[in-house]
Amino acid sequence: GVANTMVISVLERRSEIGLRRSLGATRADIRLQFLSEAILLAVLGGLTGVALGALATTLYTHLNNWATVLPPLAWAGGLGAAVAIGAVAGLLPAIRAARMQPTEALRTV
């Protein structure tokens, strides 16, 4: 999901990339922008997933009259995996955005 969202984001924001590059933004600036967006998207998705997982676990244990145990390592592992996968998935679109030439990106407007 993160990779698909970021690829579409790069394609739809070509004019923004071209404008920023023509105003002096470096390739590293563009790469950092898109990679940061991918990581933020992954963090939000990971937090939502962890919260929904904890809620489902709590409901299930409550219905079966069991004690609810949610180890912090499981929370951290889920969130860490989401962020790592999001960063890797956002890397290629970020590199692709940074490689765009300003004139070519502005021409697509």
N, C-alpha and C. Protein backbone atom coordinates (compact mmCIF):
# COMPACT_ATOMS: atom_id res chain seq x y z
N GLY A 1 0.80 -1.19 0.00
CA GLY A 1 0.00 0.00 0.00
C GLY A 1 0.85 1.27 0.00
N VAL A 2 1.90 1.28 0.79
CA VAL A 2 2.76 2.46 0.86
C VAL A 2 3.46 2.67 -0.48
N ALA A 3 3.97 1.60 -1.08
CA ALA A 3 4.67 1.72 -2.36
C ALA A 3 3.75 2.25 -3.44
N ASN A 4 2.56 1.70 -3.51
CA ASN A 4 1.59 2.14 -4.52
C ASN A 4 1.21 3.61 -4.31
N THR A 5 0.95 3.99 -3.09
CA THR A 5 0.60 5.38 -2.79
C THR A 5 1.73 6.33 -3.17
N MET A 6 2.96 5.95 -2.87
CA MET A 6 4.09 6.83 -3.15
C MET A 6 4.38 6.92 -4.65
N VAL A 7 4.21 5.82 -5.39
CA VAL A 7 4.42 5.86 -6.84
C VAL A 7 3.41 6.81 -7.47
N ILE A 8 2.15 6.70 -7.08
CA ILE A 8 1.11 7.59 -7.60
C ILE A 8 1.38 9.03 -7.18
N SER A 9 1.84 9.22 -5.96
CA SER A 9 2.15 10.57 -5.47
C SER A 9 3.24 11.22 -6.32
N VAL A 10 4.28 10.47 -6.64
CA VAL A 10 5.36 11.01 -7.46
C VAL A 10 4.84 11.36 -8.86
N LEU A 11 4.04 10.47 -9.43
CA LEU A 11 3.52 10.73 -10.78
C LEU A 11 2.61 11.95 -10.83
N GLU A 12 1.79 12.12 -9.81
CA GLU A 12 0.84 13.23 -9.81
C GLU A 12 1.46 14.56 -9.37
N ARG A 13 2.63 14.50 -8.77
CA ARG A 13 3.24 15.73 -8.26
C ARG A 13 4.49 16.12 -9.05
N ARG A 14 4.55 15.73 -10.30
CA ARG A 14 5.70 16.05 -11.14
C ARG A 14 5.94 17.55 -11.23
N SER A 15 4.87 18.31 -11.38
CA SER A 15 5.05 19.76 -11.51
C SER A 15 5.63 20.35 -10.22
N GLU A 16 5.19 19.84 -9.08
CA GLU A 16 5.74 20.32 -7.80
C GLU A 16 7.22 19.99 -7.70
N ILE A 17 7.58 18.79 -8.12
CA ILE A 17 8.99 18.37 -8.08
C ILE A 17 9.81 19.27 -9.00
N GLY A 18 9.31 19.51 -10.21
CA GLY A 18 10.02 20.36 -11.15
C GLY A 18 10.18 21.78 -10.64
N LEU A 19 9.12 22.31 -10.04
CA LEU A 19 9.18 23.67 -9.50
C LEU A 19 10.18 23.76 -8.35
N ARG A 20 10.14 22.81 -7.45
CA ARG A 20 11.09 22.82 -6.32
C ARG A 20 12.52 22.69 -6.81
N ARG A 21 12.74 21.81 -7.80
CA ARG A 21 14.10 21.64 -8.34
C ARG A 21 14.57 22.91 -9.03
N SER A 22 13.67 23.57 -9.79
CA SER A 22 14.07 24.78 -10.51
C SER A 22 14.31 25.96 -9.55
N LEU A 23 13.72 25.89 -8.35
CA LEU A 23 13.93 26.95 -7.36
C LEU A 23 15.12 26.66 -6.45
N GLY A 24 15.83 25.56 -6.72
CA GLY A 24 17.06 25.30 -5.97
C GLY A 24 17.07 24.10 -5.06
N ALA A 25 15.99 23.34 -5.00
CA ALA A 25 15.99 22.14 -4.17
C ALA A 25 16.93 21.10 -4.78
N THR A 26 17.72 20.47 -3.97
CA THR A 26 18.64 19.46 -4.46
C THR A 26 17.93 18.11 -4.58
N ARG A 27 18.60 17.17 -5.22
CA ARG A 27 18.03 15.82 -5.32
C ARG A 27 17.83 15.22 -3.93
N ALA A 28 18.75 15.52 -3.04
CA ALA A 28 18.63 15.00 -1.67
C ALA A 28 17.40 15.57 -0.97
N ASP A 29 17.08 16.83 -1.23
CA ASP A 29 15.89 17.44 -0.64
C ASP A 29 14.62 16.73 -1.11
N ILE A 30 14.55 16.47 -2.41
CA ILE A 30 13.38 15.80 -2.98
C ILE A 30 13.28 14.38 -2.45
N ARG A 31 14.41 13.68 -2.43
CA ARG A 31 14.44 12.30 -1.93
C ARG A 31 13.99 12.26 -0.47
N LEU A 32 14.49 13.20 0.34
CA LEU A 32 14.12 13.25 1.75
C LEU A 32 12.63 13.54 1.93
N GLN A 33 12.08 14.42 1.11
CA GLN A 33 10.66 14.75 1.20
C GLN A 33 9.80 13.50 0.98
N PHE A 34 10.06 12.78 -0.11
CA PHE A 34 9.22 11.64 -0.43
C PHE A 34 9.47 10.46 0.51
N LEU A 35 10.70 10.29 0.95
CA LEU A 35 10.99 9.22 1.91
C LEU A 35 10.34 9.52 3.26
N SER A 36 10.34 10.79 3.66
CA SER A 36 9.68 11.19 4.92
C SER A 36 8.18 10.94 4.84
N GLU A 37 7.59 11.26 3.70
CA GLU A 37 6.16 11.02 3.54
C GLU A 37 5.84 9.53 3.61
N ALA A 38 6.69 8.70 3.00
CA ALA A 38 6.47 7.25 3.05
C ALA A 38 6.57 6.73 4.48
N ILE A 39 7.55 7.21 5.22
CA ILE A 39 7.72 6.75 6.60
C ILE A 39 6.57 7.23 7.47
N LEU A 40 6.13 8.47 7.27
CA LEU A 40 4.99 8.97 8.04
C LEU A 40 3.73 8.15 7.74
N LEU A 41 3.52 7.84 6.48
CA LEU A 41 2.39 7.00 6.10
C LEU A 41 2.48 5.62 6.75
N ALA A 42 3.68 5.06 6.78
CA ALA A 42 3.88 3.75 7.40
C ALA A 42 3.67 3.80 8.92
N VAL A 43 4.12 4.88 9.55
CA VAL A 43 3.92 5.03 11.01
C VAL A 43 2.43 5.10 11.33
N LEU A 44 1.70 5.91 10.57
CA LEU A 44 0.26 6.03 10.82
C LEU A 44 -0.45 4.70 10.60
N GLY A 45 -0.07 3.99 9.53
CA GLY A 45 -0.66 2.68 9.27
C GLY A 45 -0.28 1.68 10.35
N GLY A 46 0.98 1.72 10.79
CA GLY A 46 1.43 0.81 11.84
C GLY A 46 0.73 1.05 13.17
N LEU A 47 0.58 2.32 13.53
CA LEU A 47 -0.14 2.65 14.77
C LEU A 47 -1.60 2.20 14.71
N THR A 48 -2.22 2.40 13.56
CA THR A 48 -3.61 1.96 13.39
C THR A 48 -3.70 0.45 13.49
N GLY A 49 -2.77 -0.25 12.85
CA GLY A 49 -2.76 -1.71 12.90
C GLY A 49 -2.54 -2.25 14.30
N VAL A 50 -1.62 -1.65 15.02
CA VAL A 50 -1.34 -2.08 16.39
C VAL A 50 -2.56 -1.82 17.28
N ALA A 51 -3.18 -0.66 17.12
CA ALA A 51 -4.37 -0.33 17.93
C ALA A 51 -5.52 -1.29 17.62
N LEU A 52 -5.76 -1.57 16.34
CA LEU A 52 -6.83 -2.50 15.99
C LEU A 52 -6.52 -3.92 16.47
N GLY A 53 -5.26 -4.31 16.38
CA GLY A 53 -4.86 -5.63 16.88
C GLY A 53 -5.05 -5.74 18.39
N ALA A 54 -4.69 -4.69 19.11
CA ALA A 54 -4.86 -4.70 20.57
C ALA A 54 -6.34 -4.73 20.93
N LEU A 55 -7.15 -3.97 20.19
CA LEU A 55 -8.59 -3.97 20.44
C LEU A 55 -9.20 -5.34 20.17
N ALA A 56 -8.83 -5.96 19.06
CA ALA A 56 -9.36 -7.28 18.73
C ALA A 56 -8.94 -8.32 19.78
N THR A 57 -7.68 -8.23 20.21
CA THR A 57 -7.19 -9.16 21.23
C THR A 57 -7.93 -8.96 22.55
N THR A 58 -8.13 -7.73 22.94
CA THR A 58 -8.84 -7.43 24.18
C THR A 58 -10.28 -7.93 24.12
N LEU A 59 -10.94 -7.69 23.02
CA LEU A 59 -12.32 -8.16 22.87
C LEU A 59 -12.40 -9.69 22.93
N TYR A 60 -11.48 -10.36 22.23
CA TYR A 60 -11.50 -11.82 22.19
C TYR A 60 -11.23 -12.41 23.57
N THR A 61 -10.24 -11.86 24.27
CA THR A 61 -9.93 -12.38 25.61
C THR A 61 -11.07 -12.08 26.59
N HIS A 62 -11.71 -10.94 26.43
CA HIS A 62 -12.83 -10.59 27.31
C HIS A 62 -14.01 -11.55 27.09
N LEU A 63 -14.30 -11.88 25.83
CA LEU A 63 -15.41 -12.79 25.53
C LEU A 63 -15.16 -14.20 26.06
N ASN A 64 -13.90 -14.60 26.15
CA ASN A 64 -13.56 -15.94 26.65
C ASN A 64 -13.16 -15.94 28.12
N ASN A 65 -13.32 -14.80 28.79
CA ASN A 65 -12.97 -14.67 30.21
C ASN A 65 -11.52 -15.04 30.48
N TRP A 66 -10.65 -14.61 29.61
CA TRP A 66 -9.22 -14.81 29.78
C TRP A 66 -8.58 -13.50 30.21
N ALA A 67 -7.39 -13.60 30.73
CA ALA A 67 -6.63 -12.39 31.08
C ALA A 67 -6.01 -11.83 29.78
N THR A 68 -6.10 -10.54 29.64
CA THR A 68 -5.53 -9.91 28.45
C THR A 68 -4.05 -9.61 28.68
N VAL A 69 -3.23 -10.12 27.79
CA VAL A 69 -1.78 -9.88 27.87
C VAL A 69 -1.33 -9.32 26.52
N LEU A 70 -0.86 -8.10 26.55
CA LEU A 70 -0.34 -7.45 25.34
C LEU A 70 1.11 -7.05 25.59
N PRO A 71 2.06 -7.91 25.21
CA PRO A 71 3.47 -7.61 25.47
C PRO A 71 3.95 -6.39 24.69
N PRO A 72 4.68 -5.50 25.35
CA PRO A 72 5.21 -4.31 24.65
C PRO A 72 6.10 -4.67 23.47
N LEU A 73 6.78 -5.81 23.53
CA LEU A 73 7.62 -6.23 22.43
C LEU A 73 6.79 -6.49 21.17
N ALA A 74 5.57 -6.99 21.34
CA ALA A 74 4.69 -7.23 20.19
C ALA A 74 4.27 -5.90 19.57
N TRP A 75 3.95 -4.92 20.40
CA TRP A 75 3.58 -3.59 19.89
C TRP A 75 4.76 -3.00 19.12
N ALA A 76 5.94 -3.04 19.75
CA ALA A 76 7.12 -2.45 19.12
C ALA A 76 7.50 -3.19 17.84
N GLY A 77 7.36 -4.50 17.86
CA GLY A 77 7.68 -5.30 16.67
C GLY A 77 6.75 -4.99 15.52
N GLY A 78 5.46 -4.86 15.80
CA GLY A 78 4.50 -4.53 14.76
C GLY A 78 4.75 -3.16 14.17
N LEU A 79 4.97 -2.20 15.03
CA LEU A 79 5.23 -0.84 14.57
C LEU A 79 6.57 -0.75 13.85
N GLY A 80 7.58 -1.42 14.38
CA GLY A 80 8.90 -1.42 13.74
C GLY A 80 8.87 -2.06 12.36
N ALA A 81 8.14 -3.17 12.23
CA ALA A 81 8.03 -3.83 10.93
C ALA A 81 7.31 -2.94 9.93
N ALA A 82 6.25 -2.26 10.37
CA ALA A 82 5.51 -1.37 9.47
C ALA A 82 6.39 -0.23 8.99
N VAL A 83 7.17 0.36 9.88
CA VAL A 83 8.05 1.47 9.51
C VAL A 83 9.15 0.99 8.56
N ALA A 84 9.75 -0.16 8.86
CA ALA A 84 10.82 -0.68 8.00
C ALA A 84 10.30 -0.99 6.60
N ILE A 85 9.15 -1.64 6.52
CA ILE A 85 8.57 -1.97 5.22
C ILE A 85 8.18 -0.70 4.48
N GLY A 86 7.63 0.27 5.18
CA GLY A 86 7.26 1.54 4.56
C GLY A 86 8.46 2.29 4.03
N ALA A 87 9.56 2.28 4.78
CA ALA A 87 10.78 2.96 4.33
C ALA A 87 11.35 2.30 3.09
N VAL A 88 11.38 0.98 3.08
CA VAL A 88 11.89 0.26 1.91
C VAL A 88 10.97 0.48 0.71
N ALA A 89 9.67 0.44 0.94
CA ALA A 89 8.71 0.62 -0.15
C ALA A 89 8.72 2.04 -0.69
N GLY A 90 9.06 3.01 0.13
CA GLY A 90 9.09 4.40 -0.31
C GLY A 90 10.42 4.82 -0.91
N LEU A 91 11.43 3.97 -0.81
CA LEU A 91 12.75 4.33 -1.29
C LEU A 91 12.80 4.47 -2.81
N LEU A 92 12.27 3.53 -3.56
CA LEU A 92 12.32 3.60 -5.02
C LEU A 92 11.55 4.81 -5.57
N PRO A 93 10.31 5.08 -5.11
CA PRO A 93 9.65 6.29 -5.59
C PRO A 93 10.40 7.58 -5.21
N ALA A 94 11.03 7.60 -4.05
CA ALA A 94 11.79 8.78 -3.64
C ALA A 94 13.00 8.99 -4.55
N ILE A 95 13.67 7.92 -4.89
CA ILE A 95 14.82 8.01 -5.80
C ILE A 95 14.36 8.43 -7.18
N ARG A 96 13.25 7.87 -7.64
CA ARG A 96 12.71 8.23 -8.96
C ARG A 96 12.33 9.71 -9.01
N ALA A 97 11.75 10.22 -7.94
CA ALA A 97 11.39 11.64 -7.89
C ALA A 97 12.63 12.52 -7.91
N ALA A 98 13.66 12.10 -7.20
CA ALA A 98 14.88 12.91 -7.12
C ALA A 98 15.63 12.94 -8.46
N ARG A 99 15.48 11.91 -9.27
CA ARG A 99 16.18 11.85 -10.55
C ARG A 99 15.51 12.67 -11.65
N MET A 100 14.29 13.14 -11.42
CA MET A 100 13.60 13.91 -12.45
C MET A 100 14.34 15.21 -12.75
N GLN A 101 14.47 15.52 -14.02
CA GLN A 101 15.04 16.79 -14.43
C GLN A 101 13.98 17.87 -14.29
N PRO A 102 14.33 19.04 -13.78
CA PRO A 102 13.32 20.09 -13.57
C PRO A 102 12.56 20.46 -14.84
N THR A 103 13.25 20.57 -15.96
CA THR A 103 12.56 20.96 -17.19
C THR A 103 11.59 19.90 -17.66
N GLU A 104 11.98 18.64 -17.52
CA GLU A 104 11.10 17.55 -17.94
C GLU A 104 9.87 17.45 -17.03
N ALA A 105 10.08 17.64 -15.73
CA ALA A 105 8.97 17.58 -14.78
C ALA A 105 7.99 18.73 -15.00
N LEU A 106 8.51 19.92 -15.29
CA LEU A 106 7.63 21.07 -15.52
C LEU A 106 6.90 20.96 -16.85
N ARG A 107 7.48 20.27 -17.80
CA ARG A 107 6.84 20.10 -19.10
C ARG A 107 5.56 19.28 -19.03
N THR A 108 5.41 18.46 -18.00
CA THR A 108 4.24 17.58 -17.88
C THR A 108 3.02 18.30 -17.33
N VAL A 109 3.15 19.58 -17.04
CA VAL A 109 2.03 20.34 -16.46
C VAL A 109 0.94 20.53 -17.47
